[in-house]
Amino acid sequence: MKYGMRKPSPRKSIAARTTGKMKRKVKRAIIPGYGKKGMGYLRDPERAVKNAVYKRTTFSITDLFRK
């Protein structure tokens, strides 16, 4: 498991910011449970736990400049 600062990826950062609202609306209309809190634990509990630990043990460079 990684500890400390995550390596920034400009490509992934841009992709995350440009995913359209319409795309998410369509998925919410079609896929039951899409975008609902806690659905990751139901779908793949092992992955959800690993992601939760990763989120708590690492930080990004932008976190250094936030209050």
PDB file of N, CA and C in Angstrom:
ATOM      1  N   MET A   1       0.847  -1.189   0.000  1.00  0.00           N
ATOM      2  CA  MET A   1       0.000   0.000   0.000  1.00  0.00           C
ATOM      3  C   MET A   1       0.882   1.237   0.000  1.00  0.00           C
ATOM      4  N   LYS A   2       0.470   2.236  -0.738  1.00  0.00           N
ATOM      5  CA  LYS A   2       1.234   3.475  -0.846  1.00  0.00           C
ATOM      6  C   LYS A   2       0.935   4.398   0.328  1.00  0.00           C
ATOM      7  N   TYR A   3       1.985   5.076   0.808  1.00  0.00           N
ATOM      8  CA  TYR A   3       1.861   6.092   1.854  1.00  0.00           C
ATOM      9  C   TYR A   3       2.522   7.356   1.353  1.00  0.00           C
ATOM     10  N   GLY A   4       1.958   8.506   1.669  1.00  0.00           N
ATOM     11  CA  GLY A   4       2.576   9.769   1.281  1.00  0.00           C
ATOM     12  C   GLY A   4       1.888  10.406   0.094  1.00  0.00           C
ATOM     13  N   MET A   5       2.657  11.207  -0.654  1.00  0.00           N
ATOM     14  CA  MET A   5       2.088  11.989  -1.747  1.00  0.00           C
ATOM     15  C   MET A   5       1.882  11.162  -3.017  1.00  0.00           C
ATOM     16  N   ARG A   6       0.722  11.353  -3.644  1.00  0.00           N
ATOM     17  CA  ARG A   6       0.439  10.708  -4.926  1.00  0.00           C
ATOM     18  C   ARG A   6       1.127  11.478  -6.048  1.00  0.00           C
ATOM     19  N   LYS A   7       1.536  10.768  -7.086  1.00  0.00           N
ATOM     20  CA  LYS A   7       2.150  11.403  -8.243  1.00  0.00           C
ATOM     21  C   LYS A   7       1.047  12.002  -9.109  1.00  0.00           C
ATOM     22  N   PRO A   8       1.095  13.302  -9.402  1.00  0.00           N
ATOM     23  CA  PRO A   8       0.019  13.912 -10.186  1.00  0.00           C
ATOM     24  C   PRO A   8       0.018  13.447 -11.638  1.00  0.00           C
ATOM     25  N   SER A   9      -1.173  13.324 -12.204  1.00  0.00           N
ATOM     26  CA  SER A   9      -1.334  12.941 -13.599  1.00  0.00           C
ATOM     27  C   SER A   9      -2.215  13.987 -14.285  1.00  0.00           C
ATOM     28  N   PRO A  10      -1.628  14.903 -15.053  1.00  0.00           N
ATOM     29  CA  PRO A  10      -2.422  15.947 -15.713  1.00  0.00           C
ATOM     30  C   PRO A  10      -3.512  15.376 -16.632  1.00  0.00           C
ATOM     31  N   ARG A  11      -3.208  14.286 -17.321  1.00  0.00           N
ATOM     32  CA  ARG A  11      -4.176  13.688 -18.247  1.00  0.00           C
ATOM     33  C   ARG A  11      -5.416  13.208 -17.496  1.00  0.00           C
ATOM     34  N   LYS A  12      -5.220  12.518 -16.374  1.00  0.00           N
ATOM     35  CA  LYS A  12      -6.351  12.016 -15.598  1.00  0.00           C
ATOM     36  C   LYS A  12      -7.114  13.156 -14.930  1.00  0.00           C
ATOM     37  N   SER A  13      -6.385  14.195 -14.535  1.00  0.00           N
ATOM     38  CA  SER A  13      -7.027  15.348 -13.909  1.00  0.00           C
ATOM     39  C   SER A  13      -7.959  16.044 -14.893  1.00  0.00           C
ATOM     40  N   ILE A  14      -7.508  16.229 -16.122  1.00  0.00           N
ATOM     41  CA  ILE A  14      -8.324  16.869 -17.162  1.00  0.00           C
ATOM     42  C   ILE A  14      -9.515  15.985 -17.501  1.00  0.00           C
ATOM     43  N   ALA A  15      -9.292  14.675 -17.598  1.00  0.00           N
ATOM     44  CA  ALA A  15     -10.377  13.749 -17.925  1.00  0.00           C
ATOM     45  C   ALA A  15     -11.470  13.788 -16.857  1.00  0.00           C
ATOM     46  N   ALA A  16     -11.065  13.884 -15.596  1.00  0.00           N
ATOM     47  CA  ALA A  16     -12.042  13.912 -14.509  1.00  0.00           C
ATOM     48  C   ALA A  16     -12.870  15.191 -14.540  1.00  0.00           C
ATOM     49  N   ARG A  17     -12.264  16.297 -14.934  1.00  0.00           N
ATOM     50  CA  ARG A  17     -12.979  17.569 -14.951  1.00  0.00           C
ATOM     51  C   ARG A  17     -13.874  17.733 -16.165  1.00  0.00           C
ATOM     52  N   THR A  18     -13.599  16.987 -17.239  1.00  0.00           N
ATOM     53  CA  THR A  18     -14.360  17.179 -18.475  1.00  0.00           C
ATOM     54  C   THR A  18     -15.402  16.088 -18.728  1.00  0.00           C
ATOM     55  N   THR A  19     -15.551  15.139 -17.793  1.00  0.00           N
ATOM     56  CA  THR A  19     -16.617  14.153 -17.946  1.00  0.00           C
ATOM     57  C   THR A  19     -17.937  14.901 -17.805  1.00  0.00           C
ATOM     58  N   GLY A  20     -18.764  14.811 -18.815  1.00  0.00           N
ATOM     59  CA  GLY A  20     -19.950  15.649 -18.887  1.00  0.00           C
ATOM     60  C   GLY A  20     -21.057  15.296 -17.917  1.00  0.00           C
ATOM     61  N   LYS A  21     -21.830  16.312 -17.574  1.00  0.00           N
ATOM     62  CA  LYS A  21     -22.986  16.111 -16.695  1.00  0.00           C
ATOM     63  C   LYS A  21     -24.013  15.205 -17.369  1.00  0.00           C
ATOM     64  N   MET A  22     -24.153  15.345 -18.672  1.00  0.00           N
ATOM     65  CA  MET A  22     -25.141  14.532 -19.393  1.00  0.00           C
ATOM     66  C   MET A  22     -24.785  13.050 -19.328  1.00  0.00           C
ATOM     67  N   LYS A  23     -23.500  12.730 -19.432  1.00  0.00           N
ATOM     68  CA  LYS A  23     -23.064  11.338 -19.367  1.00  0.00           C
ATOM     69  C   LYS A  23     -23.447  10.727 -18.017  1.00  0.00           C
ATOM     70  N   ARG A  24     -23.252  11.481 -16.933  1.00  0.00           N
ATOM     71  CA  ARG A  24     -23.620  10.997 -15.610  1.00  0.00           C
ATOM     72  C   ARG A  24     -25.133  10.875 -15.455  1.00  0.00           C
ATOM     73  N   LYS A  25     -25.879  11.821 -16.026  1.00  0.00           N
ATOM     74  CA  LYS A  25     -27.341  11.751 -15.953  1.00  0.00           C
ATOM     75  C   LYS A  25     -27.875  10.517 -16.663  1.00  0.00           C
ATOM     76  N   VAL A  26     -27.314  10.203 -17.822  1.00  0.00           N
ATOM     77  CA  VAL A  26     -27.744   9.028 -18.581  1.00  0.00           C
ATOM     78  C   VAL A  26     -27.455   7.764 -17.778  1.00  0.00           C
ATOM     79  N   LYS A  27     -26.251   7.676 -17.198  1.00  0.00           N
ATOM     80  CA  LYS A  27     -25.901   6.492 -16.412  1.00  0.00           C
ATOM     81  C   LYS A  27     -26.815   6.352 -15.204  1.00  0.00           C
ATOM     82  N   ARG A  28     -27.140   7.477 -14.551  1.00  0.00           N
ATOM     83  CA  ARG A  28     -28.040   7.414 -13.393  1.00  0.00           C
ATOM     84  C   ARG A  28     -29.424   6.922 -13.791  1.00  0.00           C
ATOM     85  N   ALA A  29     -29.872   7.301 -14.983  1.00  0.00           N
ATOM     86  CA  ALA A  29     -31.197   6.892 -15.448  1.00  0.00           C
ATOM     87  C   ALA A  29     -31.227   5.408 -15.813  1.00  0.00           C
ATOM     88  N   ILE A  30     -30.110   4.888 -16.315  1.00  0.00           N
ATOM     89  CA  ILE A  30     -30.075   3.513 -16.818  1.00  0.00           C
ATOM     90  C   ILE A  30     -29.641   2.515 -15.743  1.00  0.00           C
ATOM     91  N   ILE A  31     -28.579   2.850 -15.003  1.00  0.00           N
ATOM     92  CA  ILE A  31     -27.979   1.910 -14.057  1.00  0.00           C
ATOM     93  C   ILE A  31     -28.510   2.181 -12.647  1.00  0.00           C
ATOM     94  N   PRO A  32     -29.246   1.237 -12.065  1.00  0.00           N
ATOM     95  CA  PRO A  32     -29.749   1.456 -10.707  1.00  0.00           C
ATOM     96  C   PRO A  32     -28.592   1.477  -9.711  1.00  0.00           C
ATOM     97  N   GLY A  33     -28.576   2.486  -8.868  1.00  0.00           N
ATOM     98  CA  GLY A  33     -27.524   2.592  -7.864  1.00  0.00           C
ATOM     99  C   GLY A  33     -26.301   3.364  -8.307  1.00  0.00           C
ATOM    100  N   TYR A  34     -26.247   3.786  -9.581  1.00  0.00           N
ATOM    101  CA  TYR A  34     -25.080   4.531 -10.055  1.00  0.00           C
ATOM    102  C   TYR A  34     -25.001   5.880  -9.355  1.00  0.00           C
ATOM    103  N   GLY A  35     -23.850   6.167  -8.776  1.00  0.00           N
ATOM    104  CA  GLY A  35     -23.640   7.450  -8.128  1.00  0.00           C
ATOM    105  C   GLY A  35     -24.192   7.544  -6.722  1.00  0.00           C
ATOM    106  N   LYS A  36     -24.718   6.459  -6.210  1.00  0.00           N
ATOM    107  CA  LYS A  36     -25.255   6.469  -4.854  1.00  0.00           C
ATOM    108  C   LYS A  36     -24.136   6.151  -3.863  1.00  0.00           C
ATOM    109  N   LYS A  37     -24.184   6.787  -2.720  1.00  0.00           N
ATOM    110  CA  LYS A  37     -23.173   6.587  -1.691  1.00  0.00           C
ATOM    111  C   LYS A  37     -23.238   5.164  -1.150  1.00  0.00           C
ATOM    112  N   GLY A  38     -22.089   4.522  -1.049  1.00  0.00           N
ATOM    113  CA  GLY A  38     -22.005   3.187  -0.485  1.00  0.00           C
ATOM    114  C   GLY A  38     -22.178   2.061  -1.478  1.00  0.00           C
ATOM    115  N   MET A  39     -22.414   2.350  -2.741  1.00  0.00           N
ATOM    116  CA  MET A  39     -22.640   1.296  -3.729  1.00  0.00           C
ATOM    117  C   MET A  39     -21.364   0.515  -4.033  1.00  0.00           C
ATOM    118  N   GLY A  40     -20.205   1.141  -3.830  1.00  0.00           N
ATOM    119  CA  GLY A  40     -18.935   0.454  -4.068  1.00  0.00           C
ATOM    120  C   GLY A  40     -18.772  -0.748  -3.149  1.00  0.00           C
ATOM    121  N   TYR A  41     -19.237  -0.606  -1.902  1.00  0.00           N
ATOM    122  CA  TYR A  41     -19.135  -1.714  -0.951  1.00  0.00           C
ATOM    123  C   TYR A  41     -20.022  -2.884  -1.354  1.00  0.00           C
ATOM    124  N   LEU A  42     -21.147  -2.594  -1.978  1.00  0.00           N
ATOM    125  CA  LEU A  42     -22.035  -3.675  -2.414  1.00  0.00           C
ATOM    126  C   LEU A  42     -21.506  -4.352  -3.669  1.00  0.00           C
ATOM    127  N   ARG A  43     -20.950  -3.567  -4.573  1.00  0.00           N
ATOM    128  CA  ARG A  43     -20.499  -4.088  -5.858  1.00  0.00           C
ATOM    129  C   ARG A  43     -19.204  -4.892  -5.732  1.00  0.00           C
ATOM    130  N   ASP A  44     -18.207  -4.323  -5.033  1.00  0.00           N
ATOM    131  CA  ASP A  44     -16.914  -4.988  -4.877  1.00  0.00           C
ATOM    132  C   ASP A  44     -16.312  -4.563  -3.537  1.00  0.00           C
ATOM    133  N   PRO A  45     -16.657  -5.261  -2.460  1.00  0.00           N
ATOM    134  CA  PRO A  45     -16.241  -4.848  -1.118  1.00  0.00           C
ATOM    135  C   PRO A  45     -14.723  -4.778  -0.936  1.00  0.00           C
ATOM    136  N   GLU A  46     -13.994  -5.735  -1.498  1.00  0.00           N
ATOM    137  CA  GLU A  46     -12.539  -5.750  -1.336  1.00  0.00           C
ATOM    138  C   GLU A  46     -11.905  -4.503  -1.963  1.00  0.00           C
ATOM    139  N   ARG A  47     -12.345  -4.164  -3.150  1.00  0.00           N
ATOM    140  CA  ARG A  47     -11.834  -2.978  -3.841  1.00  0.00           C
ATOM    141  C   ARG A  47     -12.201  -1.701  -3.076  1.00  0.00           C
ATOM    142  N   ALA A  48     -13.416  -1.645  -2.552  1.00  0.00           N
ATOM    143  CA  ALA A  48     -13.873  -0.471  -1.817  1.00  0.00           C
ATOM    144  C   ALA A  48     -13.034  -0.251  -0.559  1.00  0.00           C
ATOM    145  N   VAL A  49     -12.686  -1.320   0.139  1.00  0.00           N
ATOM    146  CA  VAL A  49     -11.867  -1.203   1.340  1.00  0.00           C
ATOM    147  C   VAL A  49     -10.462  -0.722   0.978  1.00  0.00           C
ATOM    148  N   LYS A  50      -9.889  -1.286  -0.075  1.00  0.00           N
ATOM    149  CA  LYS A  50      -8.552  -0.855  -0.510  1.00  0.00           C
ATOM    150  C   LYS A  50      -8.548   0.613  -0.901  1.00  0.00           C
ATOM    151  N   ASN A  51      -9.587   1.047  -1.617  1.00  0.00           N
ATOM    152  CA  ASN A  51      -9.681   2.450  -2.019  1.00  0.00           C
ATOM    153  C   ASN A  51      -9.831   3.367  -0.807  1.00  0.00           C
ATOM    154  N   ALA A  52     -10.584   2.951   0.190  1.00  0.00           N
ATOM    155  CA  ALA A  52     -10.773   3.758   1.395  1.00  0.00           C
ATOM    156  C   ALA A  52      -9.458   3.922   2.150  1.00  0.00           C
ATOM    157  N   VAL A  53      -8.686   2.842   2.252  1.00  0.00           N
ATOM    158  CA  VAL A  53      -7.386   2.907   2.925  1.00  0.00           C
ATOM    159  C   VAL A  53      -6.433   3.801   2.134  1.00  0.00           C
ATOM    160  N   TYR A  54      -6.411   3.651   0.819  1.00  0.00           N
ATOM    161  CA  TYR A  54      -5.542   4.460  -0.039  1.00  0.00           C
ATOM    162  C   TYR A  54      -5.864   5.940   0.107  1.00  0.00           C
ATOM    163  N   LYS A  55      -7.144   6.261   0.158  1.00  0.00           N
ATOM    164  CA  LYS A  55      -7.561   7.663   0.289  1.00  0.00           C
ATOM    165  C   LYS A  55      -7.098   8.265   1.610  1.00  0.00           C
ATOM    166  N   ARG A  56      -7.055   7.451   2.666  1.00  0.00           N
ATOM    167  CA  ARG A  56      -6.653   7.951   3.982  1.00  0.00           C
ATOM    168  C   ARG A  56      -5.137   7.997   4.175  1.00  0.00           C
ATOM    169  N   THR A  57      -4.372   7.219   3.412  1.00  0.00           N
ATOM    170  CA  THR A  57      -2.927   7.142   3.620  1.00  0.00           C
ATOM    171  C   THR A  57      -2.124   7.964   2.626  1.00  0.00           C
ATOM    172  N   THR A  58      -2.781   8.550   1.624  1.00  0.00           N
ATOM    173  CA  THR A  58      -2.058   9.348   0.638  1.00  0.00           C
ATOM    174  C   THR A  58      -2.687  10.739   0.542  1.00  0.00           C
ATOM    175  N   PHE A  59      -1.965  11.647  -0.099  1.00  0.00           N
ATOM    176  CA  PHE A  59      -2.477  12.997  -0.332  1.00  0.00           C
ATOM    177  C   PHE A  59      -1.921  13.490  -1.659  1.00  0.00           C
ATOM    178  N   SER A  60      -2.596  14.472  -2.238  1.00  0.00           N
ATOM    179  CA  SER A  60      -2.141  15.026  -3.509  1.00  0.00           C
ATOM    180  C   SER A  60      -1.446  16.351  -3.268  1.00  0.00           C
ATOM    181  N   ILE A  61      -0.784  16.850  -4.291  1.00  0.00           N
ATOM    182  CA  ILE A  61      -0.062  18.116  -4.174  1.00  0.00           C
ATOM    183  C   ILE A  61      -1.016  19.280  -3.939  1.00  0.00           C
ATOM    184  N   THR A  62      -2.248  19.174  -4.448  1.00  0.00           N
ATOM    185  CA  THR A  62      -3.222  20.251  -4.242  1.00  0.00           C
ATOM    186  C   THR A  62      -3.688  20.306  -2.788  1.00  0.00           C
ATOM    187  N   ASP A  63      -3.627  19.178  -2.081  1.00  0.00           N
ATOM    188  CA  ASP A  63      -4.002  19.163  -0.667  1.00  0.00           C
ATOM    189  C   ASP A  63      -3.062  20.014   0.182  1.00  0.00           C
ATOM    190  N   LEU A  64      -1.843  20.199  -0.291  1.00  0.00           N
ATOM    191  CA  LEU A  64      -0.874  20.994   0.458  1.00  0.00           C
ATOM    192  C   LEU A  64      -1.239  22.478   0.474  1.00  0.00           C
ATOM    193  N   PHE A  65      -1.968  22.921  -0.548  1.00  0.00           N
ATOM    194  CA  PHE A  65      -2.292  24.329  -0.676  1.00  0.00           C
ATOM    195  C   PHE A  65      -3.706  24.681  -0.221  1.00  0.00           C
ATOM    196  N   ARG A  66      -4.470  23.679   0.204  1.00  0.00           N
ATOM    197  CA  ARG A  66      -5.828  23.920   0.709  1.00  0.00           C
ATOM    198  C   ARG A  66      -5.787  24.220   2.187  1.00  0.00           C
ATOM    199  N   LYS A  67      -6.841  24.847   2.661  1.00  0.00           N
ATOM    200  CA  LYS A  67      -6.930  25.105   4.103  1.00  0.00           C
ATOM    201  C   LYS A  67      -7.393  23.895   4.838  1.00  0.00           C
TER     202      LYS A  67
END
